[in-house]
């Protein structure tokens, strides 16, 4: 995959991120975070240069569950 592909995926994930305005957004946010991690895992398996910039581009806040991701 090219950088352009990764940017398009990150943009789509950013656009789908719950904004917290709905009562059920807490659950939606947890599902969204799980989806981002799952997609990132697959992308990492196919691209050794994959790093934390993808999470940042998605709007995913890096914390304990992303420890060890290359910056």
PDB file of N, CA and C in Angstrom:
ATOM      1  N   UNK A   1       0.842  -1.181   0.000  1.00  0.00           N
ATOM      2  CA  UNK A   1       0.000   0.000   0.000  1.00  0.00           C
ATOM      3  C   UNK A   1       0.887   1.243   0.000  1.00  0.00           C
ATOM      4  N   UNK A   2       0.408   2.256  -0.641  1.00  0.00           N
ATOM      5  CA  UNK A   2       1.169   3.494  -0.702  1.00  0.00           C
ATOM      6  C   UNK A   2       0.754   4.424   0.433  1.00  0.00           C
ATOM      7  N   UNK A   3       1.551   5.470   0.592  1.00  0.00           N
ATOM      8  CA  UNK A   3       1.235   6.490   1.598  1.00  0.00           C
ATOM      9  C   UNK A   3      -0.156   7.066   1.336  1.00  0.00           C
ATOM     10  N   UNK A   4      -0.484   7.252   0.086  1.00  0.00           N
ATOM     11  CA  UNK A   4      -1.794   7.798  -0.287  1.00  0.00           C
ATOM     12  C   UNK A   4      -2.935   6.892   0.185  1.00  0.00           C
ATOM     13  N   UNK A   5      -2.740   5.574   0.074  1.00  0.00           N
ATOM     14  CA  UNK A   5      -3.748   4.628   0.557  1.00  0.00           C
ATOM     15  C   UNK A   5      -3.921   4.751   2.073  1.00  0.00           C
ATOM     16  N   UNK A   6      -2.799   4.792   2.773  1.00  0.00           N
ATOM     17  CA  UNK A   6      -2.854   4.899   4.234  1.00  0.00           C
ATOM     18  C   UNK A   6      -3.518   6.206   4.660  1.00  0.00           C
ATOM     19  N   UNK A   7      -3.220   7.283   3.962  1.00  0.00           N
ATOM     20  CA  UNK A   7      -3.850   8.573   4.274  1.00  0.00           C
ATOM     21  C   UNK A   7      -5.356   8.513   4.054  1.00  0.00           C
ATOM     22  N   UNK A   8      -5.785   7.851   2.993  1.00  0.00           N
ATOM     23  CA  UNK A   8      -7.222   7.734   2.708  1.00  0.00           C
ATOM     24  C   UNK A   8      -7.929   6.920   3.794  1.00  0.00           C
ATOM     25  N   UNK A   9      -7.294   5.843   4.231  1.00  0.00           N
ATOM     26  CA  UNK A   9      -7.878   5.020   5.299  1.00  0.00           C
ATOM     27  C   UNK A   9      -7.957   5.821   6.589  1.00  0.00           C
ATOM     28  N   UNK A  10      -6.879   6.525   6.933  1.00  0.00           N
ATOM     29  CA  UNK A  10      -6.865   7.334   8.150  1.00  0.00           C
ATOM     30  C   UNK A  10      -7.933   8.424   8.094  1.00  0.00           C
ATOM     31  N   UNK A  11      -8.098   9.048   6.954  1.00  0.00           N
ATOM     32  CA  UNK A  11      -9.108  10.096   6.806  1.00  0.00           C
ATOM     33  C   UNK A  11     -10.518   9.539   7.005  1.00  0.00           C
ATOM     34  N   UNK A  12     -10.764   8.360   6.434  1.00  0.00           N
ATOM     35  CA  UNK A  12     -12.084   7.730   6.592  1.00  0.00           C
ATOM     36  C   UNK A  12     -12.349   7.400   8.057  1.00  0.00           C
ATOM     37  N   UNK A  13     -11.338   6.904   8.753  1.00  0.00           N
ATOM     38  CA  UNK A  13     -11.503   6.589  10.176  1.00  0.00           C
ATOM     39  C   UNK A  13     -11.716   7.855  10.999  1.00  0.00           C
ATOM     40  N   UNK A  14     -11.003   8.916  10.669  1.00  0.00           N
ATOM     41  CA  UNK A  14     -11.178  10.182  11.379  1.00  0.00           C
ATOM     42  C   UNK A  14     -12.601  10.704  11.208  1.00  0.00           C
ATOM     43  N   UNK A  15     -13.108  10.616   9.995  1.00  0.00           N
ATOM     44  CA  UNK A  15     -14.473  11.087   9.724  1.00  0.00           C
ATOM     45  C   UNK A  15     -15.531  10.258  10.449  1.00  0.00           C
ATOM     46  N   UNK A  16     -15.209   8.998  10.728  1.00  0.00           N
ATOM     47  CA  UNK A  16     -16.182   8.128  11.390  1.00  0.00           C
ATOM     48  C   UNK A  16     -16.062   8.140  12.912  1.00  0.00           C
ATOM     49  N   UNK A  17     -15.115   8.902  13.447  1.00  0.00           N
ATOM     50  CA  UNK A  17     -14.903   8.958  14.895  1.00  0.00           C
ATOM     51  C   UNK A  17     -16.105   9.620  15.577  1.00  0.00           C
ATOM     52  N   UNK A  18     -16.687   8.954  16.577  1.00  0.00           N
ATOM     53  CA  UNK A  18     -17.810   9.574  17.301  1.00  0.00           C
ATOM     54  C   UNK A  18     -17.359  10.886  17.960  1.00  0.00           C
ATOM     55  N   UNK A  19     -18.255  11.866  17.979  1.00  0.00           N
ATOM     56  CA  UNK A  19     -17.874  13.182  18.498  1.00  0.00           C
ATOM     57  C   UNK A  19     -18.240  13.399  19.965  1.00  0.00           C
ATOM     58  N   UNK A  20     -18.904  12.437  20.568  1.00  0.00           N
ATOM     59  CA  UNK A  20     -19.248  12.556  21.983  1.00  0.00           C
ATOM     60  C   UNK A  20     -20.537  13.307  22.247  1.00  0.00           C
ATOM     61  N   UNK A  21     -21.286  13.636  21.209  1.00  0.00           N
ATOM     62  CA  UNK A  21     -22.502  14.426  21.396  1.00  0.00           C
ATOM     63  C   UNK A  21     -23.730  13.570  21.722  1.00  0.00           C
ATOM     64  N   UNK A  22     -23.631  12.275  21.537  1.00  0.00           N
ATOM     65  CA  UNK A  22     -24.754  11.368  21.778  1.00  0.00           C
ATOM     66  C   UNK A  22     -24.500  10.546  23.042  1.00  0.00           C
ATOM     67  N   UNK A  23     -25.538  10.193  23.772  1.00  0.00           N
ATOM     68  CA  UNK A  23     -25.358   9.397  24.997  1.00  0.00           C
ATOM     69  C   UNK A  23     -24.641   8.067  24.761  1.00  0.00           C
ATOM     70  N   UNK A  24     -24.866   7.442  23.605  1.00  0.00           N
ATOM     71  CA  UNK A  24     -24.252   6.144  23.321  1.00  0.00           C
ATOM     72  C   UNK A  24     -22.859   6.261  22.708  1.00  0.00           C
ATOM     73  N   UNK A  25     -22.325   7.470  22.608  1.00  0.00           N
ATOM     74  CA  UNK A  25     -21.023   7.656  21.974  1.00  0.00           C
ATOM     75  C   UNK A  25     -19.879   7.002  22.738  1.00  0.00           C
ATOM     76  N   UNK A  26     -20.035   6.756  24.034  1.00  0.00           N
ATOM     77  CA  UNK A  26     -18.985   6.065  24.779  1.00  0.00           C
ATOM     78  C   UNK A  26     -18.749   4.676  24.223  1.00  0.00           C
ATOM     79  N   UNK A  27     -19.839   3.948  23.993  1.00  0.00           N
ATOM     80  CA  UNK A  27     -19.716   2.610  23.407  1.00  0.00           C
ATOM     81  C   UNK A  27     -19.235   2.676  21.962  1.00  0.00           C
ATOM     82  N   UNK A  28     -19.734   3.655  21.232  1.00  0.00           N
ATOM     83  CA  UNK A  28     -19.306   3.818  19.837  1.00  0.00           C
ATOM     84  C   UNK A  28     -17.815   4.140  19.774  1.00  0.00           C
ATOM     85  N   UNK A  29     -17.342   4.950  20.704  1.00  0.00           N
ATOM     86  CA  UNK A  29     -15.925   5.313  20.731  1.00  0.00           C
ATOM     87  C   UNK A  29     -15.060   4.089  21.009  1.00  0.00           C
ATOM     88  N   UNK A  30     -15.480   3.249  21.944  1.00  0.00           N
ATOM     89  CA  UNK A  30     -14.723   2.026  22.229  1.00  0.00           C
ATOM     90  C   UNK A  30     -14.688   1.115  21.011  1.00  0.00           C
ATOM     91  N   UNK A  31     -15.795   1.006  20.290  1.00  0.00           N
ATOM     92  CA  UNK A  31     -15.815   0.187  19.075  1.00  0.00           C
ATOM     93  C   UNK A  31     -14.923   0.804  18.009  1.00  0.00           C
ATOM     94  N   UNK A  32     -14.981   2.122  17.869  1.00  0.00           N
ATOM     95  CA  UNK A  32     -14.143   2.817  16.883  1.00  0.00           C
ATOM     96  C   UNK A  32     -12.669   2.585  17.197  1.00  0.00           C
ATOM     97  N   UNK A  33     -12.294   2.697  18.480  1.00  0.00           N
ATOM     98  CA  UNK A  33     -10.897   2.477  18.880  1.00  0.00           C
ATOM     99  C   UNK A  33     -10.478   1.045  18.565  1.00  0.00           C
ATOM    100  N   UNK A  34     -11.356   0.102  18.817  1.00  0.00           N
ATOM    101  CA  UNK A  34     -11.065  -1.302  18.512  1.00  0.00           C
ATOM    102  C   UNK A  34     -10.878  -1.497  17.006  1.00  0.00           C
ATOM    103  N   UNK A  35     -11.714  -0.854  16.227  1.00  0.00           N
ATOM    104  CA  UNK A  35     -11.610  -0.940  14.766  1.00  0.00           C
ATOM    105  C   UNK A  35     -10.286  -0.354  14.276  1.00  0.00           C
ATOM    106  N   UNK A  36      -9.905   0.800  14.814  1.00  0.00           N
ATOM    107  CA  UNK A  36      -8.640   1.434  14.411  1.00  0.00           C
ATOM    108  C   UNK A  36      -7.474   0.507  14.741  1.00  0.00           C
ATOM    109  N   UNK A  37      -7.467  -0.064  15.941  1.00  0.00           N
ATOM    110  CA  UNK A  37      -6.375  -0.972  16.328  1.00  0.00           C
ATOM    111  C   UNK A  37      -6.331  -2.198  15.415  1.00  0.00           C
ATOM    112  N   UNK A  38      -7.487  -2.753  15.073  1.00  0.00           N
ATOM    113  CA  UNK A  38      -7.529  -3.936  14.200  1.00  0.00           C
ATOM    114  C   UNK A  38      -6.990  -3.613  12.811  1.00  0.00           C
ATOM    115  N   UNK A  39      -7.406  -2.496  12.271  1.00  0.00           N
ATOM    116  CA  UNK A  39      -6.935  -2.086  10.944  1.00  0.00           C
ATOM    117  C   UNK A  39      -5.440  -1.800  10.989  1.00  0.00           C
ATOM    118  N   UNK A  40      -4.992  -1.112  12.029  1.00  0.00           N
ATOM    119  CA  UNK A  40      -3.566  -0.803  12.169  1.00  0.00           C
ATOM    120  C   UNK A  40      -2.735  -2.079  12.264  1.00  0.00           C
ATOM    121  N   UNK A  41      -3.243  -3.080  12.938  1.00  0.00           N
ATOM    122  CA  UNK A  41      -2.528  -4.344  13.066  1.00  0.00           C
ATOM    123  C   UNK A  41      -2.301  -5.002  11.702  1.00  0.00           C
ATOM    124  N   UNK A  42      -3.320  -4.979  10.872  1.00  0.00           N
ATOM    125  CA  UNK A  42      -3.196  -5.549   9.528  1.00  0.00           C
ATOM    126  C   UNK A  42      -2.223  -4.725   8.687  1.00  0.00           C
ATOM    127  N   UNK A  43      -2.326  -3.404   8.782  1.00  0.00           N
ATOM    128  CA  UNK A  43      -1.431  -2.545   8.000  1.00  0.00           C
ATOM    129  C   UNK A  43       0.017  -2.736   8.422  1.00  0.00           C
ATOM    130  N   UNK A  44       0.261  -2.890   9.711  1.00  0.00           N
ATOM    131  CA  UNK A  44       1.617  -3.114  10.211  1.00  0.00           C
ATOM    132  C   UNK A  44       2.186  -4.421   9.673  1.00  0.00           C
ATOM    133  N   UNK A  45       1.353  -5.448   9.587  1.00  0.00           N
ATOM    134  CA  UNK A  45       1.811  -6.741   9.080  1.00  0.00           C
ATOM    135  C   UNK A  45       2.256  -6.657   7.621  1.00  0.00           C
ATOM    136  N   UNK A  46       1.718  -5.691   6.886  1.00  0.00           N
ATOM    137  CA  UNK A  46       2.035  -5.555   5.470  1.00  0.00           C
ATOM    138  C   UNK A  46       3.011  -4.429   5.156  1.00  0.00           C
ATOM    139  N   UNK A  47       3.355  -3.630   6.161  1.00  0.00           N
ATOM    140  CA  UNK A  47       4.240  -2.498   5.920  1.00  0.00           C
ATOM    141  C   UNK A  47       5.131  -2.278   7.141  1.00  0.00           C
ATOM    142  N   UNK A  48       6.381  -2.702   7.071  1.00  0.00           N
ATOM    143  CA  UNK A  48       7.275  -2.563   8.221  1.00  0.00           C
ATOM    144  C   UNK A  48       7.575  -1.108   8.608  1.00  0.00           C
ATOM    145  N   UNK A  49       7.295  -0.172   7.727  1.00  0.00           N
ATOM    146  CA  UNK A  49       7.528   1.248   8.034  1.00  0.00           C
ATOM    147  C   UNK A  49       6.321   1.908   8.696  1.00  0.00           C
ATOM    148  N   UNK A  50       5.258   1.149   8.861  1.00  0.00           N
ATOM    149  CA  UNK A  50       4.044   1.658   9.502  1.00  0.00           C
ATOM    150  C   UNK A  50       4.383   2.110  10.916  1.00  0.00           C
ATOM    151  N   UNK A  51       3.831   3.273  11.328  1.00  0.00           N
ATOM    152  CA  UNK A  51       4.137   3.775  12.673  1.00  0.00           C
ATOM    153  C   UNK A  51       2.981   4.591  13.240  1.00  0.00           C
ATOM    154  N   UNK A  52       3.231   5.254  14.356  1.00  0.00           N
ATOM    155  CA  UNK A  52       2.202   5.972  15.114  1.00  0.00           C
ATOM    156  C   UNK A  52       1.565   7.124  14.348  1.00  0.00           C
ATOM    157  N   UNK A  53       2.167   7.577  13.293  1.00  0.00           N
ATOM    158  CA  UNK A  53       1.566   8.680  12.523  1.00  0.00           C
ATOM    159  C   UNK A  53       0.174   8.313  12.024  1.00  0.00           C
ATOM    160  N   UNK A  54      -0.043   7.023  11.762  1.00  0.00           N
ATOM    161  CA  UNK A  54      -1.360   6.573  11.320  1.00  0.00           C
ATOM    162  C   UNK A  54      -2.407   6.845  12.395  1.00  0.00           C
ATOM    163  N   UNK A  55      -2.085   6.485  13.638  1.00  0.00           N
ATOM    164  CA  UNK A  55      -3.012   6.732  14.747  1.00  0.00           C
ATOM    165  C   UNK A  55      -3.308   8.226  14.890  1.00  0.00           C
ATOM    166  N   UNK A  56      -2.276   9.032  14.798  1.00  0.00           N
ATOM    167  CA  UNK A  56      -2.447  10.481  14.912  1.00  0.00           C
ATOM    168  C   UNK A  56      -3.344  11.006  13.791  1.00  0.00           C
ATOM    169  N   UNK A  57      -3.146  10.497  12.578  1.00  0.00           N
ATOM    170  CA  UNK A  57      -3.956  10.935  11.435  1.00  0.00           C
ATOM    171  C   UNK A  57      -5.422  10.521  11.584  1.00  0.00           C
ATOM    172  N   UNK A  58      -5.657   9.435  12.324  1.00  0.00           N
ATOM    173  CA  UNK A  58      -7.027   8.961  12.561  1.00  0.00           C
ATOM    174  C   UNK A  58      -7.720   9.744  13.667  1.00  0.00           C
ATOM    175  N   UNK A  59      -6.938  10.500  14.455  1.00  0.00           N
ATOM    176  CA  UNK A  59      -7.507  11.183  15.613  1.00  0.00           C
ATOM    177  C   UNK A  59      -7.534  10.292  16.837  1.00  0.00           C
ATOM    178  N   UNK A  60      -6.743   9.233  16.811  1.00  0.00           N
ATOM    179  CA  UNK A  60      -6.672   8.261  17.902  1.00  0.00           C
ATOM    180  C   UNK A  60      -5.610   8.725  18.887  1.00  0.00           C
ATOM    181  N   UNK A  61      -6.007   8.921  20.132  1.00  0.00           N
ATOM    182  CA  UNK A  61      -5.058   9.370  21.152  1.00  0.00           C
ATOM    183  C   UNK A  61      -4.197   8.200  21.597  1.00  0.00           C
ATOM    184  N   UNK A  62      -2.889   8.377  21.492  1.00  0.00           N
ATOM    185  CA  UNK A  62      -1.964   7.326  21.899  1.00  0.00           C
ATOM    186  C   UNK A  62      -1.926   7.233  23.411  1.00  0.00           C
ATOM    187  N   UNK A  63      -2.010   6.008  23.926  1.00  0.00           N
ATOM    188  CA  UNK A  63      -1.977   5.784  25.368  1.00  0.00           C
ATOM    189  C   UNK A  63      -1.466   4.377  25.638  1.00  0.00           C
ATOM    190  N   UNK A  64      -1.874   3.791  26.747  1.00  0.00           N
ATOM    191  CA  UNK A  64      -1.386   2.474  27.149  1.00  0.00           C
ATOM    192  C   UNK A  64      -1.643   1.389  26.098  1.00  0.00           C
ATOM    193  N   UNK A  65      -2.778   1.428  25.408  1.00  0.00           N
ATOM    194  CA  UNK A  65      -3.071   0.349  24.459  1.00  0.00           C
ATOM    195  C   UNK A  65      -2.304   0.471  23.149  1.00  0.00           C
ATOM    196  N   UNK A  66      -1.547   1.542  22.981  1.00  0.00           N
ATOM    197  CA  UNK A  66      -0.715   1.678  21.791  1.00  0.00           C
ATOM    198  C   UNK A  66       0.759   1.765  22.168  1.00  0.00           C
ATOM    199  N   UNK A  67       1.078   1.398  23.393  1.00  0.00           N
ATOM    200  CA  UNK A  67       2.467   1.403  23.856  1.00  0.00           C
ATOM    201  C   UNK A  67       3.279   0.500  22.951  1.00  0.00           C
ATOM    202  N   UNK A  68       4.450   0.953  22.587  1.00  0.00           N
ATOM    203  CA  UNK A  68       5.319   0.148  21.736  1.00  0.00           C
ATOM    204  C   UNK A  68       5.189   0.450  20.254  1.00  0.00           C
ATOM    205  N   UNK A  69       4.225   1.270  19.879  1.00  0.00           N
ATOM    206  CA  UNK A  69       4.094   1.654  18.471  1.00  0.00           C
ATOM    207  C   UNK A  69       5.215   2.643  18.143  1.00  0.00           C
ATOM    208  N   UNK A  70       5.871   2.401  17.038  1.00  0.00           N
ATOM    209  CA  UNK A  70       6.956   3.303  16.631  1.00  0.00           C
ATOM    210  C   UNK A  70       6.409   4.699  16.342  1.00  0.00           C
ATOM    211  N   UNK A  71       7.122   5.702  16.820  1.00  0.00           N
ATOM    212  CA  UNK A  71       6.739   7.099  16.559  1.00  0.00           C
ATOM    213  C   UNK A  71       7.361   7.598  15.283  1.00  0.00           C
TER     214      UNK A  71
END
